[in-house]
Amino acid sequence: MNWTWFHKLGSPKWFYEISSLWLRGLSVAAILLILVGTVWGLAFAPPDYQQGNSFRIIYIHVPAAFLAQSCYLMMAVAGLVGLVWKMKLADVALQQAAPIGAWMTFIALLTGAVWGKPTWGAWWVWDARLTSMLILLFLYFGVIALGQAITNRDSAAKACAVLALVGAVNIPIIKYSVDWWNTLHQPATFTVTGKASMAPEMWLPLLLMVLGFYCFFGAVLLLRMRLEVLRREARTSWVKAEMSRLLEKVR
């Protein structure tokens, strides 16, 4: 197997050049998928036979919850790569993904509360799924705080990587909490591999929203990483040349 691409990712210059192509494609895909999914889900999907129109919150809640967990797993993988192969871009990806994951977790908790009020009669309950998602939010805050509090870049990278790896144990707890404990949170109504428990006209727009959220995450992460790479490599010749080229465009 050719691992050249993997080693190239360790080059900030190569990453910056190739990511511009990914950024444009992911941005366009995110806009189209989220636009179509939102209109389809909110305007054309039929109401749920039990929850009525209140079920439509899933078109935000489920993609946000999916992404919140996937983002942390990605951070754990980046942390492992950074610790084992000392790849600096892995640390860039980890620290730049943390704020995005924190926002997605917050959105998942907020929309879950909005959904829970008419369904459970309360904005918040100390349910296993909700509690483990709240812990995930605190883990994201921990990674962000470590990255900002430790001034030495290498020490901050190691600390964030270790926390990301240790905190990853919370992800299977979130996923299987509804199976392991007696919880108010309903089982998954939509899975990537399993059969959906909803009609196609209800889960198809949800699928589009999930894909759109992932494309959105990819685009925002690449944008944040590109800016961080420019900041860290500001004194190198290739960044100076890139900044000169951008200034020429502005003029």
Protein backbone atom coordinates (compact mmCIF):
# COMPACT_ATOMS: atom_id res chain seq x y z
CA MET A 1 0.00 0.00 0.00
CA ASN A 2 1.30 3.45 -0.96
CA TRP A 3 1.42 5.69 2.12
CA THR A 4 2.88 8.70 0.30
CA TRP A 5 -0.32 10.69 0.77
CA PHE A 6 -0.12 10.11 4.54
CA HIS A 7 3.39 11.44 4.78
CA LYS A 8 2.50 14.39 2.55
CA LEU A 9 -0.13 15.41 5.10
CA GLY A 10 2.77 16.18 7.40
CA SER A 11 3.76 19.01 5.06
CA PRO A 12 1.89 22.25 5.88
CA LYS A 13 2.64 23.63 2.42
CA TRP A 14 1.23 20.56 0.63
CA PHE A 15 -1.83 20.55 2.87
CA TYR A 16 -2.50 24.23 2.25
CA GLU A 17 -2.30 23.80 -1.51
CA ILE A 18 -4.45 20.67 -1.80
CA SER A 19 -7.04 21.73 0.79
CA SER A 20 -8.17 24.66 -1.34
CA LEU A 21 -9.74 22.18 -3.77
CA TRP A 22 -11.45 20.23 -0.97
CA LEU A 23 -12.69 23.44 0.63
CA ARG A 24 -14.58 24.60 -2.44
CA GLY A 25 -16.17 21.21 -3.09
CA LEU A 26 -17.24 20.68 0.52
CA SER A 27 -18.65 24.20 0.77
CA VAL A 28 -20.83 23.80 -2.30
CA ALA A 29 -21.99 20.34 -1.22
CA ALA A 30 -22.83 21.59 2.29
CA ILE A 31 -24.92 24.49 1.01
CA LEU A 32 -26.88 22.34 -1.45
CA LEU A 33 -27.47 19.40 0.90
CA ILE A 34 -28.52 21.51 3.88
CA LEU A 35 -30.76 23.74 1.74
CA VAL A 36 -32.57 20.81 0.11
CA GLY A 37 -32.75 18.83 3.36
CA THR A 38 -34.14 21.77 5.33
CA VAL A 39 -36.83 22.66 2.80
CA TRP A 40 -37.81 19.01 2.30
CA GLY A 41 -37.84 18.19 6.01
CA LEU A 42 -39.62 21.29 7.27
CA ALA A 43 -42.06 21.91 4.43
CA PHE A 44 -42.79 18.62 2.66
CA ALA A 45 -42.15 15.73 5.08
CA PRO A 46 -45.41 14.50 6.65
CA PRO A 47 -45.99 15.07 10.38
CA ASP A 48 -45.29 12.21 12.79
CA TYR A 49 -48.37 10.22 13.81
CA GLN A 50 -47.50 10.63 17.52
CA GLN A 51 -45.42 13.81 17.85
CA GLY A 52 -47.00 15.83 15.06
CA ASN A 53 -44.83 18.62 13.69
CA SER A 54 -42.60 18.77 16.78
CA PHE A 55 -40.64 15.81 15.38
CA ARG A 56 -39.12 18.12 12.74
CA ILE A 57 -36.50 19.20 15.25
CA ILE A 58 -34.70 15.94 14.38
CA TYR A 59 -33.52 17.53 11.13
CA ILE A 60 -31.19 19.66 13.26
CA HIS A 61 -30.86 17.53 16.41
CA VAL A 62 -29.81 14.23 14.84
CA PRO A 63 -27.15 15.61 12.44
CA ALA A 64 -25.70 17.77 15.23
CA ALA A 65 -25.56 14.78 17.61
CA PHE A 66 -23.97 12.57 14.94
CA LEU A 67 -21.37 15.20 14.16
CA ALA A 68 -20.63 15.94 17.82
CA GLN A 69 -19.64 12.32 18.40
CA SER A 70 -17.83 11.85 15.08
CA CYS A 71 -15.82 15.01 15.60
CA TYR A 72 -14.52 13.76 18.95
CA LEU A 73 -13.57 10.42 17.45
CA MET A 74 -11.70 12.27 14.72
CA MET A 75 -9.91 14.27 17.40
CA ALA A 76 -8.91 11.06 19.19
CA VAL A 77 -7.48 9.66 15.94
CA ALA A 78 -5.63 12.94 15.32
CA GLY A 79 -4.29 12.79 18.86
CA LEU A 80 -3.01 9.26 18.31
CA VAL A 81 -1.34 10.27 15.04
CA GLY A 82 0.25 13.27 16.73
CA LEU A 83 1.59 11.22 19.64
CA VAL A 84 2.89 8.31 17.54
CA TRP A 85 4.10 9.99 14.34
CA LYS A 86 4.71 13.51 15.75
CA MET A 87 2.72 15.00 12.89
CA LYS A 88 2.13 18.67 13.65
CA LEU A 89 -0.86 18.91 11.32
CA ALA A 90 -2.60 16.30 13.48
CA ASP A 91 -2.41 18.72 16.40
CA VAL A 92 -3.71 21.50 14.17
CA ALA A 93 -6.69 19.34 13.17
CA LEU A 94 -7.38 18.34 16.77
CA GLN A 95 -7.35 21.83 18.24
CA GLN A 96 -9.23 23.42 15.34
CA ALA A 97 -11.94 20.74 15.41
CA ALA A 98 -12.64 21.14 19.14
CA PRO A 99 -14.65 24.42 18.92
CA ILE A 100 -16.74 23.03 16.06
CA GLY A 101 -17.49 19.87 18.02
CA ALA A 102 -18.37 21.92 21.09
CA TRP A 103 -20.87 23.96 19.10
CA MET A 104 -22.41 20.83 17.58
CA THR A 105 -22.75 19.28 21.05
CA PHE A 106 -24.37 22.45 22.37
CA ILE A 107 -26.81 22.51 19.43
CA ALA A 108 -27.65 18.83 20.01
CA LEU A 109 -28.34 19.50 23.70
CA LEU A 110 -30.35 22.64 22.98
CA THR A 111 -32.52 21.08 20.29
CA GLY A 112 -32.92 17.99 22.48
CA ALA A 113 -34.27 20.21 25.24
CA VAL A 114 -36.69 21.88 22.83
CA TRP A 115 -37.79 18.43 21.67
CA GLY A 116 -37.98 17.05 25.21
CA LYS A 117 -40.30 19.72 26.59
CA PRO A 118 -43.43 18.67 24.66
CA THR A 119 -42.39 15.00 24.62
CA TRP A 120 -41.28 14.44 28.24
CA GLY A 121 -42.80 17.52 29.87
CA ALA A 122 -39.38 18.84 30.96
CA TRP A 123 -36.54 20.77 29.38
CA TRP A 124 -33.91 18.57 31.03
CA VAL A 125 -33.76 15.20 32.77
CA TRP A 126 -30.66 13.42 34.08
CA ASP A 127 -31.07 10.73 31.46
CA ALA A 128 -28.06 8.56 30.57
CA ARG A 129 -27.95 9.84 26.97
CA LEU A 130 -28.33 13.48 27.96
CA THR A 131 -25.82 13.24 30.80
CA SER A 132 -23.18 11.57 28.64
CA MET A 133 -23.69 14.23 25.95
CA LEU A 134 -23.20 16.92 28.59
CA ILE A 135 -19.96 15.20 29.61
CA LEU A 136 -18.92 15.32 25.94
CA LEU A 137 -19.43 19.08 25.95
CA PHE A 138 -17.19 19.39 29.02
CA LEU A 139 -14.55 17.25 27.30
CA TYR A 140 -14.56 19.63 24.35
CA PHE A 141 -14.21 22.56 26.76
CA GLY A 142 -11.29 20.75 28.38
CA VAL A 143 -9.45 20.33 25.08
CA ILE A 144 -10.03 23.98 24.17
CA ALA A 145 -8.89 25.16 27.61
CA LEU A 146 -5.73 23.04 27.54
CA GLY A 147 -4.78 24.28 24.11
CA GLN A 148 -5.12 27.89 25.22
CA ALA A 149 -3.69 27.59 28.74
CA ILE A 150 -0.41 25.81 27.92
CA THR A 151 1.97 28.21 26.21
CA ASN A 152 4.46 25.60 24.99
CA ARG A 153 3.06 24.30 21.70
CA ASP A 154 4.45 20.76 22.00
CA SER A 155 3.25 20.36 25.59
CA ALA A 156 -0.20 21.67 24.66
CA ALA A 157 -0.38 19.24 21.73
CA LYS A 158 0.47 16.27 23.97
CA ALA A 159 -2.00 17.29 26.68
CA CYS A 160 -4.84 17.78 24.18
CA ALA A 161 -4.04 14.47 22.47
CA VAL A 162 -4.09 12.55 25.76
CA LEU A 163 -7.40 14.12 26.81
CA ALA A 164 -8.92 13.39 23.40
CA LEU A 165 -7.87 9.74 23.63
CA VAL A 166 -9.05 9.29 27.22
CA GLY A 167 -12.33 11.08 26.56
CA ALA A 168 -13.10 8.85 23.58
CA VAL A 169 -14.36 6.21 26.02
CA ASN A 170 -17.44 8.40 26.42
CA ILE A 171 -18.50 7.93 22.78
CA PRO A 172 -19.65 4.28 23.06
CA ILE A 173 -21.39 5.23 26.33
CA ILE A 174 -23.38 7.87 24.44
CA LYS A 175 -24.21 5.49 21.61
CA TYR A 176 -25.28 2.50 23.72
CA SER A 177 -26.71 4.33 26.74
CA VAL A 178 -30.29 3.73 25.58
CA ASP A 179 -29.55 -0.01 25.39
CA TRP A 180 -27.53 -0.38 28.60
CA TRP A 181 -29.84 1.62 30.87
CA ASN A 182 -33.56 2.33 31.20
CA THR A 183 -33.70 5.83 29.73
CA LEU A 184 -36.34 8.28 28.58
CA HIS A 185 -34.43 8.94 25.37
CA GLN A 186 -35.85 6.91 22.53
CA PRO A 187 -33.70 4.42 20.57
CA ALA A 188 -32.15 5.57 17.32
CA THR A 189 -34.74 6.31 14.66
CA PHE A 190 -32.07 6.65 12.00
CA THR A 191 -28.82 4.74 11.53
CA VAL A 192 -26.34 4.70 8.68
CA THR A 193 -26.32 0.89 8.33
CA GLY A 194 -29.61 -0.26 9.84
CA LYS A 195 -33.17 0.03 8.56
CA ALA A 196 -34.84 3.33 9.40
CA SER A 197 -37.98 3.27 11.55
CA MET A 198 -39.47 6.17 9.57
CA ALA A 199 -41.11 6.47 6.19
CA PRO A 200 -38.73 7.24 3.28
CA GLU A 201 -40.20 10.72 2.81
CA MET A 202 -39.18 11.46 6.42
CA TRP A 203 -35.71 9.88 6.64
CA LEU A 204 -34.44 10.85 3.18
CA PRO A 205 -34.30 14.59 4.03
CA LEU A 206 -32.69 13.58 7.34
CA LEU A 207 -30.01 11.71 5.41
CA LEU A 208 -29.39 14.81 3.29
CA MET A 209 -29.08 16.91 6.44
CA VAL A 210 -26.60 14.48 8.00
CA LEU A 211 -24.46 14.51 4.86
CA GLY A 212 -24.76 18.29 4.66
CA PHE A 213 -23.63 18.71 8.27
CA TYR A 214 -20.60 16.52 7.65
CA CYS A 215 -19.68 18.53 4.55
CA PHE A 216 -20.15 21.71 6.56
CA PHE A 217 -17.86 20.35 9.26
CA GLY A 218 -15.23 19.44 6.67
CA ALA A 219 -15.35 22.88 5.07
CA VAL A 220 -15.16 24.80 8.35
CA LEU A 221 -12.40 22.54 9.69
CA LEU A 222 -10.30 23.00 6.56
CA LEU A 223 -10.79 26.76 6.69
CA ARG A 224 -9.74 26.91 10.35
CA MET A 225 -6.78 24.62 9.72
CA ARG A 226 -5.59 26.69 6.76
CA LEU A 227 -5.66 29.87 8.86
CA GLU A 228 -3.82 28.15 11.71
CA VAL A 229 -1.20 26.77 9.32
CA LEU A 230 -0.58 30.28 7.98
CA ARG A 231 -0.24 31.56 11.54
CA ARG A 232 2.20 28.86 12.60
CA GLU A 233 4.24 29.01 9.41
CA ALA A 234 4.19 32.81 9.13
CA ARG A 235 7.98 33.10 8.97
CA THR A 236 8.51 30.54 6.23
CA SER A 237 9.21 31.55 2.64
CA TRP A 238 6.21 29.77 1.16
CA VAL A 239 3.76 31.62 3.45
CA LYS A 240 5.37 34.95 2.62
CA ALA A 241 5.00 34.13 -1.06
CA GLU A 242 1.37 33.12 -0.53
CA MET A 243 0.58 36.33 1.34
CA SER A 244 2.18 38.36 -1.45
CA ARG A 245 0.06 36.54 -4.01
CA LEU A 246 -3.11 37.23 -2.01
CA LEU A 247 -2.22 40.91 -1.66
CA GLU A 248 -1.73 41.16 -5.41
CA LYS A 249 -5.23 39.72 -5.92
CA VAL A 250 -6.73 42.29 -3.56
CA ARG A 251 -5.05 45.11 -5.41
